[in-house]
Amino acid sequence: MIEDYNKRTVLLIMRFSNENSSKKHKQEYAPKIQRLIEKLSSGACKMAFASPGGDEFGFFLRTNTPLRVIRAKLYGTAQDADEALLLSGDSLLALEIGSDFDGQGYSAAWTWLQHHHGKD
């Protein structure tokens, strides 16, 4: 069976939790992660949140790339991956946003989700 991944909205939550994730590592790799997400979504993405120290952050994105492939690209295990952007011990949670989602309060990410989820 061929899986249809077209027009999915995904939330990626990442955490630099490897003991070798120094401040320099975070400053160098967070922008690379954002560029990969922009590439995977053809620019249809928005940062959902970032912790003050930059250890945790999340993105909404529209993509047809399977979540297992996104994980492999982030951890550098995909055949076409240039490098590991997340290290062993770093955390990733990838979720597809379904038709029933809700929230409260204003944020640019919440507005982005309302305007992009389920749109062609």
PDB file of N, CA and C in Angstrom:
ATOM      1  N   MET A   1       0.842  -1.180   0.000  1.00  0.00           N
ATOM      2  CA  MET A   1       0.000   0.000   0.000  1.00  0.00           C
ATOM      3  C   MET A   1       0.889   1.246   0.000  1.00  0.00           C
ATOM      4  N   ILE A   2       0.603   2.174  -0.885  1.00  0.00           N
ATOM      5  CA  ILE A   2       1.327   3.435  -0.925  1.00  0.00           C
ATOM      6  C   ILE A   2       0.623   4.408   0.003  1.00  0.00           C
ATOM      7  N   GLU A   3       1.399   4.960   0.926  1.00  0.00           N
ATOM      8  CA  GLU A   3       0.824   5.890   1.889  1.00  0.00           C
ATOM      9  C   GLU A   3       0.730   7.282   1.268  1.00  0.00           C
ATOM     10  N   ASP A   4      -0.376   7.955   1.500  1.00  0.00           N
ATOM     11  CA  ASP A   4      -0.566   9.303   0.971  1.00  0.00           C
ATOM     12  C   ASP A   4      -0.214  10.307   2.059  1.00  0.00           C
ATOM     13  N   TYR A   5       0.922  10.978   1.892  1.00  0.00           N
ATOM     14  CA  TYR A   5       1.388  11.948   2.868  1.00  0.00           C
ATOM     15  C   TYR A   5       1.168  13.373   2.394  1.00  0.00           C
ATOM     16  N   ASN A   6       0.413  13.548   1.325  1.00  0.00           N
ATOM     17  CA  ASN A   6       0.206  14.890   0.797  1.00  0.00           C
ATOM     18  C   ASN A   6      -0.601  15.740   1.763  1.00  0.00           C
ATOM     19  N   LYS A   7      -0.243  17.010   1.808  1.00  0.00           N
ATOM     20  CA  LYS A   7      -1.010  18.023   2.534  1.00  0.00           C
ATOM     21  C   LYS A   7      -1.171  17.713   4.020  1.00  0.00           C
ATOM     22  N   ARG A   8      -0.116  17.227   4.662  1.00  0.00           N
ATOM     23  CA  ARG A   8      -0.167  16.966   6.096  1.00  0.00           C
ATOM     24  C   ARG A   8       0.458  18.131   6.844  1.00  0.00           C
ATOM     25  N   THR A   9      -0.128  18.445   7.980  1.00  0.00           N
ATOM     26  CA  THR A   9       0.474  19.421   8.882  1.00  0.00           C
ATOM     27  C   THR A   9       1.106  18.639  10.017  1.00  0.00           C
ATOM     28  N   VAL A  10       2.351  18.974  10.318  1.00  0.00           N
ATOM     29  CA  VAL A  10       3.136  18.233  11.296  1.00  0.00           C
ATOM     30  C   VAL A  10       3.661  19.200  12.354  1.00  0.00           C
ATOM     31  N   LEU A  11       3.755  18.718  13.582  1.00  0.00           N
ATOM     32  CA  LEU A  11       4.431  19.446  14.653  1.00  0.00           C
ATOM     33  C   LEU A  11       5.675  18.647  15.015  1.00  0.00           C
ATOM     34  N   LEU A  12       6.836  19.288  14.910  1.00  0.00           N
ATOM     35  CA  LEU A  12       8.089  18.694  15.347  1.00  0.00           C
ATOM     36  C   LEU A  12       8.520  19.386  16.631  1.00  0.00           C
ATOM     37  N   ILE A  13       8.789  18.615  17.672  1.00  0.00           N
ATOM     38  CA  ILE A  13       9.296  19.145  18.936  1.00  0.00           C
ATOM     39  C   ILE A  13      10.672  18.531  19.150  1.00  0.00           C
ATOM     40  N   MET A  14      11.669  19.383  19.345  1.00  0.00           N
ATOM     41  CA  MET A  14      13.039  18.918  19.508  1.00  0.00           C
ATOM     42  C   MET A  14      13.629  19.452  20.809  1.00  0.00           C
ATOM     43  N   ARG A  15      14.550  18.656  21.354  1.00  0.00           N
ATOM     44  CA  ARG A  15      15.238  19.073  22.579  1.00  0.00           C
ATOM     45  C   ARG A  15      16.692  18.652  22.490  1.00  0.00           C
ATOM     46  N   PHE A  16      17.579  19.628  22.618  1.00  0.00           N
ATOM     47  CA  PHE A  16      19.000  19.321  22.712  1.00  0.00           C
ATOM     48  C   PHE A  16      19.250  18.794  24.120  1.00  0.00           C
ATOM     49  N   SER A  17      19.346  17.490  24.285  1.00  0.00           N
ATOM     50  CA  SER A  17      19.532  16.916  25.616  1.00  0.00           C
ATOM     51  C   SER A  17      20.779  16.054  25.704  1.00  0.00           C
ATOM     52  N   ASN A  18      21.537  15.943  24.614  1.00  0.00           N
ATOM     53  CA  ASN A  18      22.798  15.217  24.643  1.00  0.00           C
ATOM     54  C   ASN A  18      23.779  15.992  25.518  1.00  0.00           C
ATOM     55  N   GLU A  19      24.558  15.280  26.299  1.00  0.00           N
ATOM     56  CA  GLU A  19      25.506  15.951  27.196  1.00  0.00           C
ATOM     57  C   GLU A  19      26.550  16.761  26.434  1.00  0.00           C
ATOM     58  N   ASN A  20      26.721  16.480  25.143  1.00  0.00           N
ATOM     59  CA  ASN A  20      27.671  17.231  24.322  1.00  0.00           C
ATOM     60  C   ASN A  20      27.027  18.406  23.592  1.00  0.00           C
ATOM     61  N   SER A  21      25.753  18.679  23.869  1.00  0.00           N
ATOM     62  CA  SER A  21      25.061  19.799  23.227  1.00  0.00           C
ATOM     63  C   SER A  21      25.417  21.097  23.955  1.00  0.00           C
ATOM     64  N   SER A  22      26.539  21.652  23.585  1.00  0.00           N
ATOM     65  CA  SER A  22      27.004  22.895  24.194  1.00  0.00           C
ATOM     66  C   SER A  22      26.224  24.074  23.629  1.00  0.00           C
ATOM     67  N   LYS A  23      26.403  25.221  24.248  1.00  0.00           N
ATOM     68  CA  LYS A  23      25.772  26.444  23.745  1.00  0.00           C
ATOM     69  C   LYS A  23      26.205  26.703  22.301  1.00  0.00           C
ATOM     70  N   LYS A  24      27.482  26.470  22.012  1.00  0.00           N
ATOM     71  CA  LYS A  24      27.988  26.660  20.650  1.00  0.00           C
ATOM     72  C   LYS A  24      27.301  25.693  19.687  1.00  0.00           C
ATOM     73  N   HIS A  25      27.134  24.437  20.113  1.00  0.00           N
ATOM     74  CA  HIS A  25      26.456  23.443  19.275  1.00  0.00           C
ATOM     75  C   HIS A  25      25.032  23.902  18.956  1.00  0.00           C
ATOM     76  N   LYS A  26      24.319  24.354  19.972  1.00  0.00           N
ATOM     77  CA  LYS A  26      22.939  24.814  19.771  1.00  0.00           C
ATOM     78  C   LYS A  26      22.899  25.994  18.811  1.00  0.00           C
ATOM     79  N   GLN A  27      23.804  26.951  18.996  1.00  0.00           N
ATOM     80  CA  GLN A  27      23.815  28.132  18.130  1.00  0.00           C
ATOM     81  C   GLN A  27      24.162  27.776  16.698  1.00  0.00           C
ATOM     82  N   GLU A  28      24.968  26.763  16.502  1.00  0.00           N
ATOM     83  CA  GLU A  28      25.369  26.356  15.155  1.00  0.00           C
ATOM     84  C   GLU A  28      24.307  25.487  14.487  1.00  0.00           C
ATOM     85  N   TYR A  29      23.703  24.575  15.240  1.00  0.00           N
ATOM     86  CA  TYR A  29      22.820  23.590  14.633  1.00  0.00           C
ATOM     87  C   TYR A  29      21.349  23.987  14.583  1.00  0.00           C
ATOM     88  N   ALA A  30      20.885  24.837  15.475  1.00  0.00           N
ATOM     89  CA  ALA A  30      19.478  25.268  15.410  1.00  0.00           C
ATOM     90  C   ALA A  30      19.151  25.917  14.066  1.00  0.00           C
ATOM     91  N   PRO A  31      19.975  26.822  13.534  1.00  0.00           N
ATOM     92  CA  PRO A  31      19.678  27.394  12.210  1.00  0.00           C
ATOM     93  C   PRO A  31      19.721  26.346  11.086  1.00  0.00           C
ATOM     94  N   LYS A  32      20.598  25.349  11.212  1.00  0.00           N
ATOM     95  CA  LYS A  32      20.668  24.285  10.208  1.00  0.00           C
ATOM     96  C   LYS A  32      19.394  23.441  10.245  1.00  0.00           C
ATOM     97  N   ILE A  33      18.885  23.194  11.447  1.00  0.00           N
ATOM     98  CA  ILE A  33      17.627  22.457  11.589  1.00  0.00           C
ATOM     99  C   ILE A  33      16.505  23.255  10.951  1.00  0.00           C
ATOM    100  N   GLN A  34      16.471  24.559  11.201  1.00  0.00           N
ATOM    101  CA  GLN A  34      15.428  25.394  10.614  1.00  0.00           C
ATOM    102  C   GLN A  34      15.517  25.369   9.081  1.00  0.00           C
ATOM    103  N   ARG A  35      16.717  25.427   8.523  1.00  0.00           N
ATOM    104  CA  ARG A  35      16.868  25.383   7.061  1.00  0.00           C
ATOM    105  C   ARG A  35      16.380  24.047   6.504  1.00  0.00           C
ATOM    106  N   LEU A  36      16.669  22.937   7.198  1.00  0.00           N
ATOM    107  CA  LEU A  36      16.179  21.634   6.753  1.00  0.00           C
ATOM    108  C   LEU A  36      14.658  21.601   6.777  1.00  0.00           C
ATOM    109  N   ILE A  37      14.054  22.123   7.836  1.00  0.00           N
ATOM    110  CA  ILE A  37      12.590  22.152   7.937  1.00  0.00           C
ATOM    111  C   ILE A  37      11.999  23.014   6.826  1.00  0.00           C
ATOM    112  N   GLU A  38      12.609  24.148   6.549  1.00  0.00           N
ATOM    113  CA  GLU A  38      12.144  25.001   5.449  1.00  0.00           C
ATOM    114  C   GLU A  38      12.226  24.265   4.116  1.00  0.00           C
ATOM    115  N   LYS A  39      13.289  23.501   3.917  1.00  0.00           N
ATOM    116  CA  LYS A  39      13.450  22.733   2.679  1.00  0.00           C
ATOM    117  C   LYS A  39      12.397  21.630   2.584  1.00  0.00           C
ATOM    118  N   LEU A  40      12.183  20.897   3.677  1.00  0.00           N
ATOM    119  CA  LEU A  40      11.218  19.794   3.670  1.00  0.00           C
ATOM    120  C   LEU A  40       9.786  20.275   3.477  1.00  0.00           C
ATOM    121  N   SER A  41       9.531  21.531   3.833  1.00  0.00           N
ATOM    122  CA  SER A  41       8.170  22.069   3.745  1.00  0.00           C
ATOM    123  C   SER A  41       8.004  23.043   2.585  1.00  0.00           C
ATOM    124  N   SER A  42       9.028  23.200   1.772  1.00  0.00           N
ATOM    125  CA  SER A  42       9.012  24.201   0.689  1.00  0.00           C
ATOM    126  C   SER A  42       8.626  25.569   1.235  1.00  0.00           C
ATOM    127  N   GLY A  43       9.090  25.867   2.437  1.00  0.00           N
ATOM    128  CA  GLY A  43       8.850  27.166   3.062  1.00  0.00           C
ATOM    129  C   GLY A  43       7.555  27.272   3.843  1.00  0.00           C
ATOM    130  N   ALA A  44       6.717  26.242   3.803  1.00  0.00           N
ATOM    131  CA  ALA A  44       5.442  26.271   4.534  1.00  0.00           C
ATOM    132  C   ALA A  44       5.669  25.770   5.957  1.00  0.00           C
ATOM    133  N   CYS A  45       6.276  26.630   6.782  1.00  0.00           N
ATOM    134  CA  CYS A  45       6.585  26.251   8.155  1.00  0.00           C
ATOM    135  C   CYS A  45       6.582  27.485   9.036  1.00  0.00           C
ATOM    136  N   LYS A  46       6.469  27.239  10.338  1.00  0.00           N
ATOM    137  CA  LYS A  46       6.471  28.329  11.312  1.00  0.00           C
ATOM    138  C   LYS A  46       6.998  27.782  12.632  1.00  0.00           C
ATOM    139  N   MET A  47       7.925  28.522  13.257  1.00  0.00           N
ATOM    140  CA  MET A  47       8.383  28.112  14.579  1.00  0.00           C
ATOM    141  C   MET A  47       7.206  28.232  15.542  1.00  0.00           C
ATOM    142  N   ALA A  48       6.919  27.145  16.242  1.00  0.00           N
ATOM    143  CA  ALA A  48       5.799  27.131  17.178  1.00  0.00           C
ATOM    144  C   ALA A  48       6.208  27.693  18.531  1.00  0.00           C
ATOM    145  N   PHE A  49       7.417  27.371  18.964  1.00  0.00           N
ATOM    146  CA  PHE A  49       7.901  27.868  20.247  1.00  0.00           C
ATOM    147  C   PHE A  49       9.399  27.615  20.333  1.00  0.00           C
ATOM    148  N   ALA A  50      10.036  28.294  21.254  1.00  0.00           N
ATOM    149  CA  ALA A  50      11.439  28.039  21.606  1.00  0.00           C
ATOM    150  C   ALA A  50      11.604  28.389  23.076  1.00  0.00           C
ATOM    151  N   SER A  51      12.327  27.560  23.799  1.00  0.00           N
ATOM    152  CA  SER A  51      12.587  27.853  25.202  1.00  0.00           C
ATOM    153  C   SER A  51      13.597  28.991  25.289  1.00  0.00           C
ATOM    154  N   PRO A  52      13.613  29.712  26.394  1.00  0.00           N
ATOM    155  CA  PRO A  52      14.550  30.843  26.520  1.00  0.00           C
ATOM    156  C   PRO A  52      16.014  30.455  26.297  1.00  0.00           C
ATOM    157  N   GLY A  53      16.415  29.272  26.744  1.00  0.00           N
ATOM    158  CA  GLY A  53      17.797  28.850  26.568  1.00  0.00           C
ATOM    159  C   GLY A  53      18.080  28.186  25.234  1.00  0.00           C
ATOM    160  N   GLY A  54      17.036  27.942  24.437  1.00  0.00           N
ATOM    161  CA  GLY A  54      17.212  27.324  23.134  1.00  0.00           C
ATOM    162  C   GLY A  54      17.352  25.815  23.166  1.00  0.00           C
ATOM    163  N   ASP A  55      17.134  25.202  24.343  1.00  0.00           N
ATOM    164  CA  ASP A  55      17.240  23.746  24.428  1.00  0.00           C
ATOM    165  C   ASP A  55      16.052  23.040  23.770  1.00  0.00           C
ATOM    166  N   GLU A  56      14.871  23.639  23.893  1.00  0.00           N
ATOM    167  CA  GLU A  56      13.663  23.048  23.333  1.00  0.00           C
ATOM    168  C   GLU A  56      13.049  24.008  22.328  1.00  0.00           C
ATOM    169  N   PHE A  57      12.551  23.453  21.228  1.00  0.00           N
ATOM    170  CA  PHE A  57      11.888  24.277  20.223  1.00  0.00           C
ATOM    171  C   PHE A  57      11.000  23.388  19.370  1.00  0.00           C
ATOM    172  N   GLY A  58      10.049  24.006  18.699  1.00  0.00           N
ATOM    173  CA  GLY A  58       9.135  23.250  17.864  1.00  0.00           C
ATOM    174  C   GLY A  58       8.739  24.028  16.634  1.00  0.00           C
ATOM    175  N   PHE A  59       8.359  23.295  15.600  1.00  0.00           N
ATOM    176  CA  PHE A  59       7.928  23.883  14.336  1.00  0.00           C
ATOM    177  C   PHE A  59       6.650  23.219  13.856  1.00  0.00           C
ATOM    178  N   PHE A  60       5.765  24.013  13.285  1.00  0.00           N
ATOM    179  CA  PHE A  60       4.679  23.500  12.468  1.00  0.00           C
ATOM    180  C   PHE A  60       5.188  23.507  11.038  1.00  0.00           C
ATOM    181  N   LEU A  61       4.849  22.480  10.272  1.00  0.00           N
ATOM    182  CA  LEU A  61       5.191  22.496   8.859  1.00  0.00           C
ATOM    183  C   LEU A  61       4.200  21.689   8.052  1.00  0.00           C
ATOM    184  N   ARG A  62       4.113  22.046   6.785  1.00  0.00           N
ATOM    185  CA  ARG A  62       3.309  21.303   5.822  1.00  0.00           C
ATOM    186  C   ARG A  62       4.293  20.512   4.979  1.00  0.00           C
ATOM    187  N   THR A  63       4.110  19.204   4.925  1.00  0.00           N
ATOM    188  CA  THR A  63       5.062  18.370   4.191  1.00  0.00           C
ATOM    189  C   THR A  63       4.414  17.089   3.722  1.00  0.00           C
ATOM    190  N   ASN A  64       4.981  16.531   2.672  1.00  0.00           N
ATOM    191  CA  ASN A  64       4.564  15.193   2.248  1.00  0.00           C
ATOM    192  C   ASN A  64       5.654  14.169   2.578  1.00  0.00           C
ATOM    193  N   THR A  65       6.684  14.590   3.306  1.00  0.00           N
ATOM    194  CA  THR A  65       7.768  13.699   3.703  1.00  0.00           C
ATOM    195  C   THR A  65       7.330  12.855   4.902  1.00  0.00           C
ATOM    196  N   PRO A  66       7.478  11.536   4.826  1.00  0.00           N
ATOM    197  CA  PRO A  66       7.118  10.694   5.972  1.00  0.00           C
ATOM    198  C   PRO A  66       7.915  11.086   7.216  1.00  0.00           C
ATOM    199  N   LEU A  67       7.294  10.968   8.379  1.00  0.00           N
ATOM    200  CA  LEU A  67       7.937  11.375   9.631  1.00  0.00           C
ATOM    201  C   LEU A  67       9.216  10.590   9.898  1.00  0.00           C
ATOM    202  N   ARG A  68       9.250   9.316   9.527  1.00  0.00           N
ATOM    203  CA  ARG A  68      10.457   8.508   9.736  1.00  0.00           C
ATOM    204  C   ARG A  68      11.616   9.037   8.893  1.00  0.00           C
ATOM    205  N   VAL A  69      11.318   9.608   7.729  1.00  0.00           N
ATOM    206  CA  VAL A  69      12.359  10.184   6.873  1.00  0.00           C
ATOM    207  C   VAL A  69      12.862  11.499   7.479  1.00  0.00           C
ATOM    208  N   ILE A  70      11.944  12.302   8.019  1.00  0.00           N
ATOM    209  CA  ILE A  70      12.353  13.543   8.688  1.00  0.00           C
ATOM    210  C   ILE A  70      13.281  13.216   9.852  1.00  0.00           C
ATOM    211  N   ARG A  71      12.904  12.220  10.646  1.00  0.00           N
ATOM    212  CA  ARG A  71      13.752  11.800  11.772  1.00  0.00           C
ATOM    213  C   ARG A  71      15.126  11.374  11.273  1.00  0.00           C
ATOM    214  N   ALA A  72      15.172  10.558  10.227  1.00  0.00           N
ATOM    215  CA  ALA A  72      16.448  10.083   9.687  1.00  0.00           C
ATOM    216  C   ALA A  72      17.312  11.241   9.189  1.00  0.00           C
ATOM    217  N   LYS A  73      16.697  12.232   8.576  1.00  0.00           N
ATOM    218  CA  LYS A  73      17.462  13.390   8.103  1.00  0.00           C
ATOM    219  C   LYS A  73      18.015  14.198   9.271  1.00  0.00           C
ATOM    220  N   LEU A  74      17.219  14.377  10.322  1.00  0.00           N
ATOM    221  CA  LEU A  74      17.678  15.141  11.482  1.00  0.00           C
ATOM    222  C   LEU A  74      18.814  14.432  12.224  1.00  0.00           C
ATOM    223  N   TYR A  75      18.723  13.111  12.325  1.00  0.00           N
ATOM    224  CA  TYR A  75      19.750  12.351  13.043  1.00  0.00           C
ATOM    225  C   TYR A  75      20.902  11.908  12.133  1.00  0.00           C
ATOM    226  N   GLY A  76      20.845  12.292  10.851  1.00  0.00           N
ATOM    227  CA  GLY A  76      21.943  12.004   9.940  1.00  0.00           C
ATOM    228  C   GLY A  76      22.014  10.572   9.456  1.00  0.00           C
ATOM    229  N   THR A  77      20.933   9.798   9.591  1.00  0.00           N
ATOM    230  CA  THR A  77      20.949   8.406   9.158  1.00  0.00           C
ATOM    231  C   THR A  77      20.324   8.199   7.786  1.00  0.00           C
ATOM    232  N   ALA A  78      19.745   9.237   7.191  1.00  0.00           N
ATOM    233  CA  ALA A  78      19.202   9.134   5.835  1.00  0.00           C
ATOM    234  C   ALA A  78      20.359   9.094   4.846  1.00  0.00           C
ATOM    235  N   GLN A  79      20.175   8.383   3.743  1.00  0.00           N
ATOM    236  CA  GLN A  79      21.245   8.266   2.749  1.00  0.00           C
ATOM    237  C   GLN A  79      21.699   9.622   2.223  1.00  0.00           C
ATOM    238  N   ASP A  80      20.770  10.564   2.105  1.00  0.00           N
ATOM    239  CA  ASP A  80      21.121  11.870   1.536  1.00  0.00           C
ATOM    240  C   ASP A  80      21.406  12.923   2.613  1.00  0.00           C
ATOM    241  N   ALA A  81      21.529  12.503   3.867  1.00  0.00           N
ATOM    242  CA  ALA A  81      21.808  13.455   4.948  1.00  0.00           C
ATOM    243  C   ALA A  81      23.266  13.902   4.887  1.00  0.00           C
ATOM    244  N   ASP A  82      23.473  15.208   4.998  1.00  0.00           N
ATOM    245  CA  ASP A  82      24.829  15.746   4.994  1.00  0.00           C
ATOM    246  C   ASP A  82      25.523  15.514   6.332  1.00  0.00           C
ATOM    247  N   GLU A  83      24.775  15.670   7.421  1.00  0.00           N
ATOM    248  CA  GLU A  83      25.343  15.535   8.760  1.00  0.00           C
ATOM    249  C   GLU A  83      24.227  15.321   9.766  1.00  0.00           C
ATOM    250  N   ALA A  84      24.585  14.865  10.944  1.00  0.00           N
ATOM    251  CA  ALA A  84      23.615  14.707  12.027  1.00  0.00           C
ATOM    252  C   ALA A  84      23.384  16.070  12.672  1.00  0.00           C
ATOM    253  N   LEU A  85      22.148  16.537  12.628  1.00  0.00           N
ATOM    254  CA  LEU A  85      21.797  17.813  13.243  1.00  0.00           C
ATOM    255  C   LEU A  85      21.362  17.611  14.691  1.00  0.00           C
ATOM    256  N   LEU A  86      20.787  16.456  14.973  1.00  0.00           N
ATOM    257  CA  LEU A  86      20.476  16.054  16.341  1.00  0.00           C
ATOM    258  C   LEU A  86      21.416  14.913  16.696  1.00  0.00           C
ATOM    259  N   LEU A  87      21.907  14.904  17.919  1.00  0.00           N
ATOM    260  CA  LEU A  87      22.845  13.890  18.370  1.00  0.00           C
ATOM    261  C   LEU A  87      22.112  12.792  19.130  1.00  0.00           C
ATOM    262  N   SER A  88      22.759  11.653  19.255  1.00  0.00           N
ATOM    263  CA  SER A  88      22.213  10.588  20.075  1.00  0.00           C
ATOM    264  C   SER A  88      21.986  11.160  21.471  1.00  0.00           C
ATOM    265  N   GLY A  89      20.826  10.966  22.007  1.00  0.00           N
ATOM    266  CA  GLY A  89      20.488  11.548  23.308  1.00  0.00           C
ATOM    267  C   GLY A  89      19.621  12.781  23.179  1.00  0.00           C
ATOM    268  N   ASP A  90      19.667  13.461  22.025  1.00  0.00           N
ATOM    269  CA  ASP A  90      18.735  14.561  21.775  1.00  0.00           C
ATOM    270  C   ASP A  90      17.353  13.960  21.515  1.00  0.00           C
ATOM    271  N   SER A  91      16.325  14.725  21.778  1.00  0.00           N
ATOM    272  CA  SER A  91      14.970  14.207  21.670  1.00  0.00           C
ATOM    273  C   SER A  91      14.214  14.821  20.507  1.00  0.00           C
ATOM    274  N   LEU A  92      13.349  14.013  19.908  1.00  0.00           N
ATOM    275  CA  LEU A  92      12.482  14.457  18.819  1.00  0.00           C
ATOM    276  C   LEU A  92      11.118  13.820  19.006  1.00  0.00           C
ATOM    277  N   LEU A  93      10.070  14.608  18.892  1.00  0.00           N
ATOM    278  CA  LEU A  93       8.705  14.116  18.859  1.00  0.00           C
ATOM    279  C   LEU A  93       8.076  14.702  17.607  1.00  0.00           C
ATOM    280  N   ALA A  94       7.593  13.842  16.720  1.00  0.00           N
ATOM    281  CA  ALA A  94       6.976  14.271  15.471  1.00  0.00           C
ATOM    282  C   ALA A  94       5.523  13.800  15.463  1.00  0.00           C
ATOM    283  N   LEU A  95       4.601  14.738  15.298  1.00  0.00           N
ATOM    284  CA  LEU A  95       3.173  14.436  15.347  1.00  0.00           C
ATOM    285  C   LEU A  95       2.465  15.029  14.147  1.00  0.00           C
ATOM    286  N   GLU A  96       1.531  14.281  13.590  1.00  0.00           N
ATOM    287  CA  GLU A  96       0.670  14.823  12.543  1.00  0.00           C
ATOM    288  C   GLU A  96      -0.537  15.479  13.219  1.00  0.00           C
ATOM    289  N   ILE A  97      -0.878  16.679  12.782  1.00  0.00           N
ATOM    290  CA  ILE A  97      -2.030  17.401  13.329  1.00  0.00           C
ATOM    291  C   ILE A  97      -3.275  16.921  12.586  1.00  0.00           C
ATOM    292  N   GLY A  98      -4.248  16.413  13.327  1.00  0.00           N
ATOM    293  CA  GLY A  98      -5.485  15.924  12.726  1.00  0.00           C
ATOM    294  C   GLY A  98      -6.496  17.033  12.537  1.00  0.00           C
ATOM    295  N   SER A  99      -7.715  16.645  12.205  1.00  0.00           N
ATOM    296  CA  SER A  99      -8.757  17.640  11.926  1.00  0.00           C
ATOM    297  C   SER A  99      -9.294  18.282  13.199  1.00  0.00           C
ATOM    298  N   ASP A 100      -9.137  17.623  14.343  1.00  0.00           N
ATOM    299  CA  ASP A 100      -9.634  18.161  15.605  1.00  0.00           C
ATOM    300  C   ASP A 100      -8.463  18.699  16.420  1.00  0.00           C
ATOM    301  N   PHE A 101      -8.204  19.985  16.302  1.00  0.00           N
ATOM    302  CA  PHE A 101      -7.153  20.628  17.085  1.00  0.00           C
ATOM    303  C   PHE A 101      -7.724  21.901  17.672  1.00  0.00           C
ATOM    304  N   ASP A 102      -7.150  22.350  18.773  1.00  0.00           N
ATOM    305  CA  ASP A 102      -7.687  23.520  19.450  1.00  0.00           C
ATOM    306  C   ASP A 102      -6.580  24.193  20.240  1.00  0.00           C
ATOM    307  N   GLY A 103      -6.785  25.403  20.605  1.00  0.00           N
ATOM    308  CA  GLY A 103      -5.839  26.148  21.400  1.00  0.00           C
ATOM    309  C   GLY A 103      -6.466  27.426  21.896  1.00  0.00           C
ATOM    310  N   GLN A 104      -5.741  28.145  22.702  1.00  0.00           N
ATOM    311  CA  GLN A 104      -6.237  29.411  23.221  1.00  0.00           C
ATOM    312  C   GLN A 104      -5.074  30.373  23.335  1.00  0.00           C
ATOM    313  N   GLY A 105      -5.367  31.631  23.155  1.00  0.00           N
ATOM    314  CA  GLY A 105      -4.331  32.649  23.237  1.00  0.00           C
ATOM    315  C   GLY A 105      -3.813  32.977  21.855  1.00  0.00           C
ATOM    316  N   TYR A 106      -3.142  34.080  21.769  1.00  0.00           N
ATOM    317  CA  TYR A 106      -2.619  34.519  20.486  1.00  0.00           C
ATOM    318  C   TYR A 106      -1.134  34.207  20.394  1.00  0.00           C
ATOM    319  N   SER A 107      -0.744  33.683  19.268  1.00  0.00           N
ATOM    320  CA  SER A 107       0.671  33.572  18.919  1.00  0.00           C
ATOM    321  C   SER A 107       0.747  33.505  17.406  1.00  0.00           C
ATOM    322  N   ALA A 108       1.875  33.875  16.856  1.00  0.00           N
ATOM    323  CA  ALA A 108       2.053  33.812  15.408  1.00  0.00           C
ATOM    324  C   ALA A 108       1.932  32.369  14.919  1.00  0.00           C
ATOM    325  N   ALA A 109       2.420  31.405  15.718  1.00  0.00           N
ATOM    326  CA  ALA A 109       2.343  30.003  15.322  1.00  0.00           C
ATOM    327  C   ALA A 109       0.895  29.509  15.310  1.00  0.00           C
ATOM    328  N   TRP A 110       0.107  29.901  16.300  1.00  0.00           N
ATOM    329  CA  TRP A 110      -1.304  29.496  16.350  1.00  0.00           C
ATOM    330  C   TRP A 110      -2.046  30.071  15.148  1.00  0.00           C
ATOM    331  N   THR A 111      -1.786  31.312  14.825  1.00  0.00           N
ATOM    332  CA  THR A 111      -2.409  31.938  13.655  1.00  0.00           C
ATOM    333  C   THR A 111      -1.975  31.213  12.390  1.00  0.00           C
ATOM    334  N   TRP A 112      -0.685  30.890  12.281  1.00  0.00           N
ATOM    335  CA  TRP A 112      -0.185  30.164  11.112  1.00  0.00           C
ATOM    336  C   TRP A 112      -0.920  28.840  10.965  1.00  0.00           C
ATOM    337  N   LEU A 113      -1.065  28.099  12.066  1.00  0.00           N
ATOM    338  CA  LEU A 113      -1.741  26.803  12.030  1.00  0.00           C
ATOM    339  C   LEU A 113      -3.182  26.955  11.561  1.00  0.00           C
ATOM    340  N   GLN A 114      -3.894  27.943  12.085  1.00  0.00           N
ATOM    341  CA  GLN A 114      -5.281  28.155  11.685  1.00  0.00           C
ATOM    342  C   GLN A 114      -5.400  28.464  10.196  1.00  0.00           C
ATOM    343  N   HIS A 115      -4.424  29.162   9.644  1.00  0.00           N
ATOM    344  CA  HIS A 115      -4.484  29.569   8.238  1.00  0.00           C
ATOM    345  C   HIS A 115      -3.911  28.537   7.271  1.00  0.00           C
ATOM    346  N   HIS A 116      -3.078  27.616   7.755  1.00  0.00           N
ATOM    347  CA  HIS A 116      -2.410  26.678   6.856  1.00  0.00           C
ATOM    348  C   HIS A 116      -2.872  25.238   6.973  1.00  0.00           C
ATOM    349  N   HIS A 117      -3.374  24.829   8.122  1.00  0.00           N
ATOM    350  CA  HIS A 117      -3.755  23.426   8.297  1.00  0.00           C
ATOM    351  C   HIS A 117      -4.931  23.074   7.396  1.00  0.00           C
ATOM    352  N   GLY A 118      -4.745  22.012   6.625  1.00  0.00           N
ATOM    353  CA  GLY A 118      -5.816  21.549   5.754  1.00  0.00           C
ATOM    354  C   GLY A 118      -6.000  22.348   4.490  1.00  0.00           C
ATOM    355  N   LYS A 119      -5.115  23.290   4.236  1.00  0.00           N
ATOM    356  CA  LYS A 119      -5.204  24.105   3.027  1.00  0.00           C
ATOM    357  C   LYS A 119      -4.364  23.486   1.921  1.00  0.00           C
ATOM    358  N   ASP A 120      -4.832  23.599   0.729  1.00  0.00           N
ATOM    359  CA  ASP A 120      -4.064  23.094  -0.428  1.00  0.00           C
ATOM    360  C   ASP A 120      -3.050  24.087  -0.879  1.00  0.00           C
TER     361      ASP A 120
END
